[in-house]
N, C-alpha and C. Protein backbone atom coordinates (compact mmCIF):
# COMPACT_ATOMS: atom_id res chain seq x y z
N MET A 1 148.86 31.04 101.27
CA MET A 1 149.34 30.27 99.89
C MET A 1 150.55 30.39 99.67
N ALA A 2 150.63 29.12 99.38
CA ALA A 2 152.32 28.97 99.03
C ALA A 2 152.88 29.23 97.31
N MET A 3 154.15 29.64 97.64
CA MET A 3 154.60 30.28 96.40
C MET A 3 155.13 28.79 95.69
N LYS A 4 154.57 29.33 94.21
CA LYS A 4 155.00 27.86 93.75
C LYS A 4 156.33 28.34 92.98
N SER A 5 157.01 27.09 92.69
CA SER A 5 158.03 27.42 91.46
C SER A 5 158.11 26.66 90.50
N TYR A 6 158.94 27.48 89.50
CA TYR A 6 158.74 27.32 88.10
C TYR A 6 160.18 27.07 87.98
N PRO A 7 160.21 25.89 86.86
CA PRO A 7 161.77 25.65 86.23
C PRO A 7 162.33 27.15 85.52
N PRO A 8 163.71 26.86 85.44
CA PRO A 8 164.32 28.31 84.74
C PRO A 8 163.73 28.36 83.25
N GLU A 9 163.56 27.08 82.46
CA GLU A 9 163.12 27.05 81.25
C GLU A 9 161.87 27.87 81.17
N PHE A 10 160.88 27.28 81.91
CA PHE A 10 159.85 27.65 81.71
C PHE A 10 159.73 29.39 81.85
N LYS A 11 160.60 30.00 82.97
CA LYS A 11 160.46 31.30 83.14
C LYS A 11 160.96 31.46 81.62
N ALA A 12 162.03 31.15 81.25
CA ALA A 12 162.70 32.03 79.97
C ALA A 12 161.84 32.21 78.59
N ASP A 13 160.63 30.68 78.57
CA ASP A 13 160.07 30.71 77.74
C ASP A 13 159.00 31.65 77.49
N ALA A 14 158.38 32.07 79.07
CA ALA A 14 157.48 32.97 79.40
C ALA A 14 158.00 34.45 79.08
N VAL A 15 159.32 34.57 79.35
CA VAL A 15 159.47 35.72 78.60
C VAL A 15 159.98 35.93 77.75
N ALA A 16 160.47 34.80 76.58
CA ALA A 16 160.65 34.89 75.52
C ALA A 16 158.95 35.09 74.51
N LEU A 17 158.24 34.72 75.09
CA LEU A 17 156.80 34.91 74.53
C LEU A 17 156.58 36.19 74.86
N TYR A 18 156.28 37.22 75.89
CA TYR A 18 156.62 38.21 76.13
C TYR A 18 156.97 39.21 74.98
N LEU A 19 158.10 39.03 74.84
CA LEU A 19 158.60 39.84 74.43
C LEU A 19 158.73 39.61 72.61
N SER A 20 158.36 38.51 72.35
CA SER A 20 158.17 38.17 71.00
C SER A 20 156.73 39.07 70.21
N ASP A 21 156.71 39.49 71.05
CA ASP A 21 155.08 40.26 70.17
C ASP A 21 154.73 41.64 71.02
N PRO A 22 155.00 42.89 70.29
CA PRO A 22 155.32 44.25 70.93
C PRO A 22 153.96 44.52 71.41
N ALA A 23 152.62 43.61 70.94
CA ALA A 23 151.36 44.09 71.34
C ALA A 23 150.76 43.44 72.28
N ARG A 24 151.54 41.78 72.82
CA ARG A 24 151.20 41.67 73.74
C ARG A 24 150.76 42.21 75.09
N THR A 25 150.29 41.75 76.03
CA THR A 25 150.65 42.53 77.77
C THR A 25 151.39 41.84 78.62
N TYR A 26 151.48 41.95 79.57
CA TYR A 26 151.59 41.03 80.79
C TYR A 26 150.63 40.00 81.09
N ALA A 27 149.45 40.86 80.91
CA ALA A 27 148.08 40.07 81.60
C ALA A 27 148.35 38.87 80.72
N SER A 28 147.94 39.34 79.25
CA SER A 28 147.83 38.33 78.16
C SER A 28 148.40 37.16 78.00
N VAL A 29 149.79 37.14 78.45
CA VAL A 29 150.65 36.17 78.31
C VAL A 29 150.59 35.90 79.54
N ALA A 30 150.39 36.19 80.58
CA ALA A 30 150.25 35.67 81.96
C ALA A 30 149.00 34.54 82.12
N ARG A 31 147.86 34.92 81.25
CA ARG A 31 146.41 34.25 81.61
C ARG A 31 146.94 33.14 80.57
N ASP A 32 147.27 33.18 79.56
CA ASP A 32 147.76 32.27 78.68
C ASP A 32 148.34 31.25 79.42
N LEU A 33 149.55 31.77 80.22
CA LEU A 33 150.45 30.59 80.56
C LEU A 33 149.62 29.97 82.03
N GLY A 34 148.94 30.64 82.43
CA GLY A 34 148.25 30.51 83.95
C GLY A 34 149.02 30.56 85.17
N ILE A 35 149.59 32.17 85.07
CA ILE A 35 150.64 32.65 86.00
C ILE A 35 150.30 33.85 86.24
N ASN A 36 150.57 34.62 87.48
CA ASN A 36 150.24 35.86 87.80
C ASN A 36 151.08 36.50 86.70
N ARG A 37 150.42 37.79 86.96
CA ARG A 37 150.92 39.21 85.67
C ARG A 37 152.18 39.79 86.24
N GLU A 38 152.08 40.14 87.92
CA GLU A 38 153.12 40.37 88.42
C GLU A 38 154.30 39.53 88.61
N THR A 39 153.87 37.96 88.51
CA THR A 39 155.28 37.23 88.54
C THR A 39 155.70 37.47 87.00
N LEU A 40 155.03 37.39 86.08
CA LEU A 40 155.95 37.46 84.78
C LEU A 40 156.74 38.68 84.61
N ARG A 41 156.32 40.01 85.21
CA ARG A 41 156.47 41.03 85.06
C ARG A 41 157.83 40.97 85.89
N LEU A 42 157.72 40.43 86.72
CA LEU A 42 159.35 40.42 87.36
C LEU A 42 160.44 39.72 87.06
N TRP A 43 159.91 38.30 86.04
CA TRP A 43 160.53 37.66 85.24
C TRP A 43 161.15 38.53 84.27
N VAL A 44 160.62 39.28 83.20
CA VAL A 44 161.09 40.09 82.16
C VAL A 44 161.85 40.80 82.98
N LYS A 45 161.77 41.52 83.81
CA LYS A 45 162.58 42.74 84.73
C LYS A 45 164.04 42.37 84.79
N GLU A 46 163.82 41.11 85.90
CA GLU A 46 165.36 40.35 85.99
C GLU A 46 165.76 39.74 84.49
N ALA A 47 165.20 39.61 83.51
CA ALA A 47 165.77 39.02 82.00
C ALA A 47 166.63 40.03 81.91
N ARG A 48 165.85 41.24 81.89
CA ARG A 48 166.48 42.75 80.93
C ARG A 48 167.71 42.99 81.78
N ALA A 49 167.13 42.94 83.34
CA ALA A 49 168.55 43.42 84.35
C ALA A 49 169.94 42.36 84.07
N ASN A 50 169.53 41.27 83.56
CA ASN A 50 170.58 40.13 83.47
C ASN A 50 171.17 40.28 82.08
N GLY A 51 170.61 40.63 81.19
CA GLY A 51 170.63 40.88 79.92
C GLY A 51 170.98 39.62 78.91
N THR A 52 169.75 38.82 79.29
CA THR A 52 169.39 37.55 79.14
C THR A 52 168.22 37.87 78.21
N ALA A 53 167.47 39.05 78.45
CA ALA A 53 166.48 39.38 77.32
C ALA A 53 166.91 40.71 76.66
N GLY A 54 166.22 40.62 75.29
CA GLY A 54 166.59 41.97 74.22
C GLY A 54 165.33 42.84 74.85
N ALA A 55 165.34 44.22 74.48
CA ALA A 55 164.15 44.79 74.39
C ALA A 55 162.83 44.56 73.80
N LYS A 56 161.62 45.37 73.95
CA LYS A 56 160.73 44.54 73.23
C LYS A 56 161.00 44.84 71.50
N ALA A 57 160.83 43.65 70.90
CA ALA A 57 160.59 44.17 69.49
C ALA A 57 160.18 45.46 68.90
N ALA A 58 161.03 45.98 68.13
CA ALA A 58 160.29 47.20 67.61
C ALA A 58 159.24 47.21 66.68
N PRO A 59 158.50 48.14 66.19
CA PRO A 59 157.28 48.09 65.47
C PRO A 59 157.78 47.65 64.08
N ALA A 60 156.90 47.27 63.47
CA ALA A 60 157.49 47.14 61.57
C ALA A 60 157.48 48.60 61.06
N LYS A 61 158.73 48.21 60.35
CA LYS A 61 158.99 49.66 59.66
C LYS A 61 158.08 50.00 58.37
N ARG A 62 157.73 51.16 58.25
CA ARG A 62 157.11 51.25 57.11
C ARG A 62 157.64 50.98 55.76
N PRO A 63 156.80 50.98 54.49
CA PRO A 63 157.28 50.70 53.41
C PRO A 63 158.00 52.04 53.07
N THR A 64 158.72 51.76 52.39
CA THR A 64 159.31 52.86 51.57
C THR A 64 158.72 53.29 50.14
N ALA A 65 159.19 54.88 50.11
CA ALA A 65 158.36 55.18 48.74
C ALA A 65 158.18 54.52 47.52
N CYS A 66 159.88 53.99 47.14
CA CYS A 66 160.64 53.36 46.29
C CYS A 66 159.89 52.68 45.36
N PRO A 67 159.24 52.20 44.41
CA PRO A 67 158.87 51.55 43.97
C PRO A 67 159.51 49.96 43.67
N LEU A 68 159.32 49.04 43.86
CA LEU A 68 159.35 47.78 43.87
C LEU A 68 159.09 46.67 42.87
N SER A 69 160.30 45.86 42.29
CA SER A 69 159.58 44.89 41.49
C SER A 69 158.59 44.07 41.82
N SER A 70 157.93 43.29 41.49
CA SER A 70 157.19 42.22 41.99
C SER A 70 157.65 41.09 42.53
N ASP A 71 158.70 40.86 42.24
CA ASP A 71 159.61 39.45 43.04
C ASP A 71 160.11 40.08 44.01
N ASP A 72 160.59 41.48 44.03
CA ASP A 72 161.23 42.14 45.50
C ASP A 72 159.95 42.21 46.54
N VAL A 73 158.97 42.38 46.02
CA VAL A 73 157.44 42.60 47.02
C VAL A 73 157.45 40.73 47.40
N LEU A 74 157.53 40.14 46.40
CA LEU A 74 157.32 38.43 46.87
C LEU A 74 158.05 37.99 47.98
N GLU A 75 159.28 38.65 47.41
CA GLU A 75 160.79 38.13 48.41
C GLU A 75 160.33 38.63 49.63
N LYS A 76 159.96 39.87 49.75
CA LYS A 76 159.73 40.35 51.35
C LYS A 76 158.98 39.86 51.79
N GLU A 77 157.42 39.87 51.01
CA GLU A 77 156.38 38.91 51.73
C GLU A 77 156.21 37.83 52.31
N ASN A 78 157.52 37.16 51.72
CA ASN A 78 158.17 35.82 52.00
C ASN A 78 158.62 35.69 53.12
N LYS A 79 159.71 36.69 53.37
CA LYS A 79 160.13 36.94 54.46
C LYS A 79 159.68 36.94 55.52
N GLN A 80 158.38 38.05 55.32
CA GLN A 80 157.74 38.39 56.84
C GLN A 80 156.83 37.38 57.40
N LEU A 81 156.58 36.35 56.22
CA LEU A 81 155.40 35.10 56.65
C LEU A 81 156.77 34.26 57.01
N LYS A 82 157.60 33.95 56.80
CA LYS A 82 158.18 32.76 57.68
C LYS A 82 158.91 33.29 58.83
N ALA A 83 158.98 34.59 59.16
CA ALA A 83 159.14 35.22 60.14
C ALA A 83 158.07 34.87 61.33
N ARG A 84 156.89 35.17 60.81
CA ARG A 84 155.29 35.05 61.75
C ARG A 84 155.42 33.54 61.88
N ILE A 85 155.73 32.56 60.88
CA ILE A 85 155.53 30.97 61.06
C ILE A 85 156.57 30.75 62.61
N ARG A 86 157.64 31.20 62.60
CA ARG A 86 158.76 31.10 63.59
C ARG A 86 158.24 31.77 64.91
N GLU A 87 157.31 32.64 64.95
CA GLU A 87 156.98 32.92 66.08
C GLU A 87 155.96 32.32 66.63
N LEU A 88 155.02 32.04 65.64
CA LEU A 88 153.71 31.19 65.86
C LEU A 88 153.94 29.56 66.66
N GLU A 89 155.40 29.20 66.00
CA GLU A 89 155.86 28.00 66.57
C GLU A 89 156.62 27.86 67.85
N LEU A 90 157.26 29.08 67.77
CA LEU A 90 157.66 29.31 69.08
C LEU A 90 156.75 29.59 70.31
N GLU A 91 155.54 30.27 69.94
CA GLU A 91 154.36 30.48 71.13
C GLU A 91 154.10 29.14 70.93
N ARG A 92 153.56 28.31 70.19
CA ARG A 92 152.76 26.89 70.11
C ARG A 92 153.73 25.77 71.07
N ASP A 93 155.08 25.98 70.81
CA ASP A 93 155.96 25.18 71.76
C ASP A 93 156.23 25.62 73.33
N ILE A 94 155.81 27.17 73.48
CA ILE A 94 155.70 27.50 75.03
C ILE A 94 154.88 27.14 75.59
N LEU A 95 153.62 27.18 74.90
CA LEU A 95 152.26 26.74 75.28
C LEU A 95 152.44 25.09 75.61
N ARG A 96 152.87 24.15 74.81
CA ARG A 96 153.26 23.20 74.99
C ARG A 96 153.79 22.65 76.09
N ARG A 97 154.76 23.31 76.43
CA ARG A 97 155.47 23.12 77.30
C ARG A 97 154.57 23.27 78.79
N ALA A 98 154.17 24.66 79.11
CA ALA A 98 153.37 25.20 80.06
C ALA A 98 152.45 24.17 80.21
N ALA A 99 151.48 23.58 79.20
CA ALA A 99 150.58 22.54 79.53
C ALA A 99 150.94 21.14 80.03
N LYS A 100 152.25 21.15 79.46
CA LYS A 100 152.88 19.78 80.23
C LYS A 100 153.18 19.77 81.41
N TYR A 101 153.83 20.56 82.06
CA TYR A 101 154.21 21.37 83.27
C TYR A 101 153.05 20.91 84.02
N PHE A 102 151.86 21.94 83.60
CA PHE A 102 150.58 21.92 84.64
C PHE A 102 150.12 20.52 84.75
N THR A 103 149.74 20.19 83.58
CA THR A 103 149.51 19.22 83.99
C THR A 103 150.04 17.78 84.89
N GLY A 104 151.58 17.86 85.00
CA GLY A 104 152.74 17.20 85.76
C GLY A 104 152.30 17.43 87.17
N GLU A 105 151.78 18.33 87.30
CA GLU A 105 151.57 19.18 88.46
C GLU A 105 150.57 18.62 89.11
N THR A 106 149.52 17.93 88.54
CA THR A 106 148.14 17.64 89.76
C THR A 106 148.49 16.10 90.27
N ASN A 107 147.95 16.11 91.48
CA ASN A 107 148.31 14.53 92.23
C ASN A 107 146.71 14.21 92.42
N TRP A 108 145.78 14.37 91.32
CA TRP A 108 144.35 13.52 92.06
C TRP A 108 144.81 12.17 92.02
């Protein structure tokens, strides 16, 4: 079986997708992108060694015990929702690029 060659942008996007959510596994991200789990693991390892990728995101902090006003609560929730939207848009864009890459590969 011949080795596939992936463009650097695809590799970077795959690494970013894996690092964007601490709950995701190599296997789940690789399955979504249609690549081998070990291939993704090596890309993440290389990115971390090169300093081009940060560590996996830390889990969300627990709420503090101090009382917050309703405006503060709404502002905090709004900030969290906007961050989640950015994350979902990033994942969508990566999957679109992957689909575009793989459809261009077929020579039927």
